[in-house]
């Protein structure tokens, strides 16, 4: 599971020229679900998103999480994060989870963030063409990959 996490001042998502959802300050999170992801990946990604210390404290240091700052999350499903670009120039999405299962995991991540971490979560529309508007604050962009938590360092 891959999550691209961006610190924002505000964010919104439009579907069919209509406002789907919006947040004030917080995080825009793009989520890609691989075919071999499991509940362990969900728990890891949700915990990391909720607890990432990428917001400034009183001294201007990045010591606060989205929880500490009472921010929101705009969670967007993005299967293109699972692209394999090793061969040629056209990405392959063979490693992306099937849409039905991926939508379930996407909803479970949103639910974990709300229930476990008490973070307000807004979402896009799974599988829809979306226009996402936000201001990246910093800029701060973090890449989380649940598969990297299991790898040992040499």
C-alpha atoms as a PDB file:
ATOM      1  CA  UNK A   1       0.000   0.000   0.000  1.00  0.00           C
ATOM      2  CA  UNK A   2       1.354   3.374  -0.976  1.00  0.00           C
ATOM      3  CA  UNK A   3       0.231   6.713   0.407  1.00  0.00           C
ATOM      4  CA  UNK A   4       1.374  10.108  -0.798  1.00  0.00           C
ATOM      5  CA  UNK A   5       0.751  12.513   2.090  1.00  0.00           C
ATOM      6  CA  UNK A   6       0.739  16.262   1.533  1.00  0.00           C
ATOM      7  CA  UNK A   7       0.365  18.960   4.185  1.00  0.00           C
ATOM      8  CA  UNK A   8      -2.215  21.484   2.972  1.00  0.00           C
ATOM      9  CA  UNK A   9      -3.849  24.749   4.006  1.00  0.00           C
ATOM     10  CA  UNK A  10      -7.120  23.588   2.423  1.00  0.00           C
ATOM     11  CA  UNK A  11      -8.300  21.058  -0.170  1.00  0.00           C
ATOM     12  CA  UNK A  12     -11.366  20.145  -2.172  1.00  0.00           C
ATOM     13  CA  UNK A  13     -12.429  17.577  -4.739  1.00  0.00           C
ATOM     14  CA  UNK A  14     -14.871  18.073  -7.602  1.00  0.00           C
ATOM     15  CA  UNK A  15     -16.701  15.283  -9.425  1.00  0.00           C
ATOM     16  CA  UNK A  16     -18.736  16.184 -12.527  1.00  0.00           C
ATOM     17  CA  UNK A  17     -18.173  19.905 -11.792  1.00  0.00           C
ATOM     18  CA  UNK A  18     -19.800  19.470  -8.387  1.00  0.00           C
ATOM     19  CA  UNK A  19     -18.091  19.856  -5.005  1.00  0.00           C
ATOM     20  CA  UNK A  20     -17.777  16.368  -3.514  1.00  0.00           C
ATOM     21  CA  UNK A  21     -15.923  17.276  -0.324  1.00  0.00           C
ATOM     22  CA  UNK A  22     -13.452  19.701   1.211  1.00  0.00           C
ATOM     23  CA  UNK A  23     -11.249  20.225   4.257  1.00  0.00           C
ATOM     24  CA  UNK A  24      -9.483  23.143   5.887  1.00  0.00           C
ATOM     25  CA  UNK A  25      -5.897  22.638   7.034  1.00  0.00           C
ATOM     26  CA  UNK A  26      -4.675  19.073   7.224  1.00  0.00           C
ATOM     27  CA  UNK A  27      -3.582  16.384   4.808  1.00  0.00           C
ATOM     28  CA  UNK A  28      -4.370  15.317   1.281  1.00  0.00           C
ATOM     29  CA  UNK A  29      -3.636  11.592   1.068  1.00  0.00           C
ATOM     30  CA  UNK A  30      -3.480   9.711  -2.224  1.00  0.00           C
ATOM     31  CA  UNK A  31      -3.829   5.972  -1.580  1.00  0.00           C
ATOM     32  CA  UNK A  32      -2.746   3.161  -3.900  1.00  0.00           C
ATOM     33  CA  UNK A  33      -3.680  -0.419  -2.998  1.00  0.00           C
ATOM     34  CA  UNK A  34      -1.567  -3.312  -4.308  1.00  0.00           C
ATOM     35  CA  UNK A  35      -3.045  -6.737  -5.034  1.00  0.00           C
ATOM     36  CA  UNK A  36      -1.146  -8.351  -2.135  1.00  0.00           C
ATOM     37  CA  UNK A  37      -2.062  -5.759   0.536  1.00  0.00           C
ATOM     38  CA  UNK A  38      -3.737  -6.977   3.711  1.00  0.00           C
ATOM     39  CA  UNK A  39      -5.169  -5.696   6.979  1.00  0.00           C
ATOM     40  CA  UNK A  40      -1.584  -5.322   8.282  1.00  0.00           C
ATOM     41  CA  UNK A  41      -0.897  -2.811   5.512  1.00  0.00           C
ATOM     42  CA  UNK A  42      -4.086  -0.899   6.358  1.00  0.00           C
ATOM     43  CA  UNK A  43      -3.193  -0.662  10.050  1.00  0.00           C
ATOM     44  CA  UNK A  44       0.378   0.456   9.278  1.00  0.00           C
ATOM     45  CA  UNK A  45      -0.643   3.125   6.755  1.00  0.00           C
ATOM     46  CA  UNK A  46      -3.452   4.523   8.924  1.00  0.00           C
ATOM     47  CA  UNK A  47      -1.159   4.721  11.976  1.00  0.00           C
ATOM     48  CA  UNK A  48       1.588   6.440   9.988  1.00  0.00           C
ATOM     49  CA  UNK A  49      -0.791   8.963   8.393  1.00  0.00           C
ATOM     50  CA  UNK A  50      -2.385   9.831  11.724  1.00  0.00           C
ATOM     51  CA  UNK A  51       0.893  10.205  13.604  1.00  0.00           C
ATOM     52  CA  UNK A  52       3.229  11.787  11.036  1.00  0.00           C
ATOM     53  CA  UNK A  53       4.810  14.768  12.768  1.00  0.00           C
ATOM     54  CA  UNK A  54       4.846  17.207   9.855  1.00  0.00           C
ATOM     55  CA  UNK A  55       3.068  20.231  11.367  1.00  0.00           C
ATOM     56  CA  UNK A  56       4.927  23.023  13.146  1.00  0.00           C
ATOM     57  CA  UNK A  57       4.929  23.354  16.925  1.00  0.00           C
ATOM     58  CA  UNK A  58       5.263  26.666  18.814  1.00  0.00           C
ATOM     59  CA  UNK A  59       8.980  26.797  17.970  1.00  0.00           C
ATOM     60  CA  UNK A  60       8.347  26.186  14.262  1.00  0.00           C
ATOM     61  CA  UNK A  61       9.687  22.626  14.370  1.00  0.00           C
ATOM     62  CA  UNK A  62       7.824  19.773  12.652  1.00  0.00           C
ATOM     63  CA  UNK A  63       6.699  18.046  15.851  1.00  0.00           C
ATOM     64  CA  UNK A  64       2.896  17.929  15.571  1.00  0.00           C
ATOM     65  CA  UNK A  65       0.624  15.465  13.806  1.00  0.00           C
ATOM     66  CA  UNK A  66      -2.695  16.106  12.078  1.00  0.00           C
ATOM     67  CA  UNK A  67      -4.287  14.927  15.350  1.00  0.00           C
ATOM     68  CA  UNK A  68      -2.337  17.516  17.387  1.00  0.00           C
ATOM     69  CA  UNK A  69      -3.429  20.327  15.060  1.00  0.00           C
ATOM     70  CA  UNK A  70      -7.087  19.206  14.805  1.00  0.00           C
ATOM     71  CA  UNK A  71      -6.695  18.977  11.042  1.00  0.00           C
ATOM     72  CA  UNK A  72      -8.705  16.987   8.543  1.00  0.00           C
ATOM     73  CA  UNK A  73      -7.819  14.462   5.879  1.00  0.00           C
ATOM     74  CA  UNK A  74      -8.955  14.380   2.276  1.00  0.00           C
ATOM     75  CA  UNK A  75      -8.439  10.732   1.259  1.00  0.00           C
ATOM     76  CA  UNK A  76      -8.288  10.033  -2.470  1.00  0.00           C
ATOM     77  CA  UNK A  77      -8.034   6.556  -3.990  1.00  0.00           C
ATOM     78  CA  UNK A  78      -5.374   6.535  -6.710  1.00  0.00           C
ATOM     79  CA  UNK A  79      -4.589   3.209  -8.371  1.00  0.00           C
ATOM     80  CA  UNK A  80      -1.978   4.899 -10.580  1.00  0.00           C
ATOM     81  CA  UNK A  81       0.376   4.861  -7.578  1.00  0.00           C
ATOM     82  CA  UNK A  82       0.694   1.123  -8.266  1.00  0.00           C
ATOM     83  CA  UNK A  83       2.110   1.764 -11.749  1.00  0.00           C
ATOM     84  CA  UNK A  84       5.037  -0.301 -12.921  1.00  0.00           C
ATOM     85  CA  UNK A  85       7.137   1.763 -15.332  1.00  0.00           C
ATOM     86  CA  UNK A  86      10.159  -0.541 -15.691  1.00  0.00           C
ATOM     87  CA  UNK A  87       9.350  -1.590 -19.275  1.00  0.00           C
ATOM     88  CA  UNK A  88       8.621   0.973 -21.954  1.00  0.00           C
ATOM     89  CA  UNK A  89       6.793   4.231 -21.412  1.00  0.00           C
ATOM     90  CA  UNK A  90       3.256   3.005 -20.869  1.00  0.00           C
ATOM     91  CA  UNK A  91       2.637   2.194 -17.181  1.00  0.00           C
ATOM     92  CA  UNK A  92       1.357  -1.249 -16.232  1.00  0.00           C
ATOM     93  CA  UNK A  93      -1.204  -1.455 -13.447  1.00  0.00           C
ATOM     94  CA  UNK A  94      -1.159  -5.265 -13.085  1.00  0.00           C
ATOM     95  CA  UNK A  95      -0.068  -5.031  -9.442  1.00  0.00           C
ATOM     96  CA  UNK A  96      -3.043  -2.850  -8.460  1.00  0.00           C
ATOM     97  CA  UNK A  97      -5.760  -4.586  -6.450  1.00  0.00           C
ATOM     98  CA  UNK A  98      -9.044  -5.330  -8.214  1.00  0.00           C
ATOM     99  CA  UNK A  99     -11.436  -2.361  -7.935  1.00  0.00           C
ATOM    100  CA  UNK A 100     -13.998  -4.027  -5.630  1.00  0.00           C
ATOM    101  CA  UNK A 101     -11.385  -5.180  -3.115  1.00  0.00           C
ATOM    102  CA  UNK A 102      -9.416  -1.919  -3.384  1.00  0.00           C
ATOM    103  CA  UNK A 103     -12.561   0.124  -2.691  1.00  0.00           C
ATOM    104  CA  UNK A 104     -13.187  -1.971   0.430  1.00  0.00           C
ATOM    105  CA  UNK A 105      -9.647  -1.354   1.700  1.00  0.00           C
ATOM    106  CA  UNK A 106      -9.897   2.362   0.860  1.00  0.00           C
ATOM    107  CA  UNK A 107     -13.114   2.594   2.919  1.00  0.00           C
ATOM    108  CA  UNK A 108     -11.483   0.623   5.758  1.00  0.00           C
ATOM    109  CA  UNK A 109      -8.546   3.076   5.869  1.00  0.00           C
ATOM    110  CA  UNK A 110     -10.989   6.003   6.082  1.00  0.00           C
ATOM    111  CA  UNK A 111     -12.885   4.203   8.840  1.00  0.00           C
ATOM    112  CA  UNK A 112      -9.682   3.449  10.797  1.00  0.00           C
ATOM    113  CA  UNK A 113      -8.647   7.111  10.655  1.00  0.00           C
ATOM    114  CA  UNK A 114     -12.048   8.231  11.937  1.00  0.00           C
ATOM    115  CA  UNK A 115     -12.722   5.527  14.555  1.00  0.00           C
ATOM    116  CA  UNK A 116      -9.227   4.843  15.884  1.00  0.00           C
ATOM    117  CA  UNK A 117      -7.629   8.273  15.568  1.00  0.00           C
ATOM    118  CA  UNK A 118     -10.732  10.534  15.690  1.00  0.00           C
ATOM    119  CA  UNK A 119      -9.617  12.467  12.597  1.00  0.00           C
ATOM    120  CA  UNK A 120     -12.303  13.995  10.367  1.00  0.00           C
ATOM    121  CA  UNK A 121     -11.968  12.339   6.955  1.00  0.00           C
ATOM    122  CA  UNK A 122     -13.479  13.441   3.664  1.00  0.00           C
ATOM    123  CA  UNK A 123     -13.180  11.321   0.543  1.00  0.00           C
ATOM    124  CA  UNK A 124     -13.295  11.488  -3.194  1.00  0.00           C
ATOM    125  CA  UNK A 125     -15.414   9.140  -5.283  1.00  0.00           C
ATOM    126  CA  UNK A 126     -13.736   5.790  -5.854  1.00  0.00           C
ATOM    127  CA  UNK A 127     -13.060   5.208  -9.552  1.00  0.00           C
ATOM    128  CA  UNK A 128     -14.413   8.592 -10.644  1.00  0.00           C
ATOM    129  CA  UNK A 129     -12.588  11.260 -12.601  1.00  0.00           C
ATOM    130  CA  UNK A 130     -11.844  13.885  -9.945  1.00  0.00           C
ATOM    131  CA  UNK A 131     -10.447  17.390  -9.924  1.00  0.00           C
ATOM    132  CA  UNK A 132      -8.484  17.959  -6.726  1.00  0.00           C
ATOM    133  CA  UNK A 133      -7.618  21.488  -5.665  1.00  0.00           C
ATOM    134  CA  UNK A 134      -5.307  22.280  -2.751  1.00  0.00           C
ATOM    135  CA  UNK A 135      -2.401  24.354  -1.588  1.00  0.00           C
ATOM    136  CA  UNK A 136       0.561  22.255  -0.468  1.00  0.00           C
ATOM    137  CA  UNK A 137       1.870  23.973   2.674  1.00  0.00           C
ATOM    138  CA  UNK A 138       5.657  24.002   2.724  1.00  0.00           C
ATOM    139  CA  UNK A 139       5.705  22.177   0.380  1.00  0.00           C
ATOM    140  CA  UNK A 140       5.595  19.036   2.481  1.00  0.00           C
ATOM    141  CA  UNK A 141       5.097  15.718   0.696  1.00  0.00           C
ATOM    142  CA  UNK A 142       5.823  12.335   2.310  1.00  0.00           C
ATOM    143  CA  UNK A 143       5.719   8.922   0.627  1.00  0.00           C
ATOM    144  CA  UNK A 144       4.598   6.004   2.799  1.00  0.00           C
ATOM    145  CA  UNK A 145       4.999   2.427   1.593  1.00  0.00           C
ATOM    146  CA  UNK A 146       3.683  -0.357   3.814  1.00  0.00           C
ATOM    147  CA  UNK A 147       6.020  -2.876   2.178  1.00  0.00           C
ATOM    148  CA  UNK A 148       9.094  -0.969   3.371  1.00  0.00           C
ATOM    149  CA  UNK A 149       8.209  -1.509   7.037  1.00  0.00           C
ATOM    150  CA  UNK A 150       9.125  -5.201   6.663  1.00  0.00           C
ATOM    151  CA  UNK A 151      12.501  -4.731   5.018  1.00  0.00           C
ATOM    152  CA  UNK A 152      15.613  -4.860   7.156  1.00  0.00           C
ATOM    153  CA  UNK A 153      18.461  -2.380   6.770  1.00  0.00           C
ATOM    154  CA  UNK A 154      21.928  -3.691   5.938  1.00  0.00           C
END
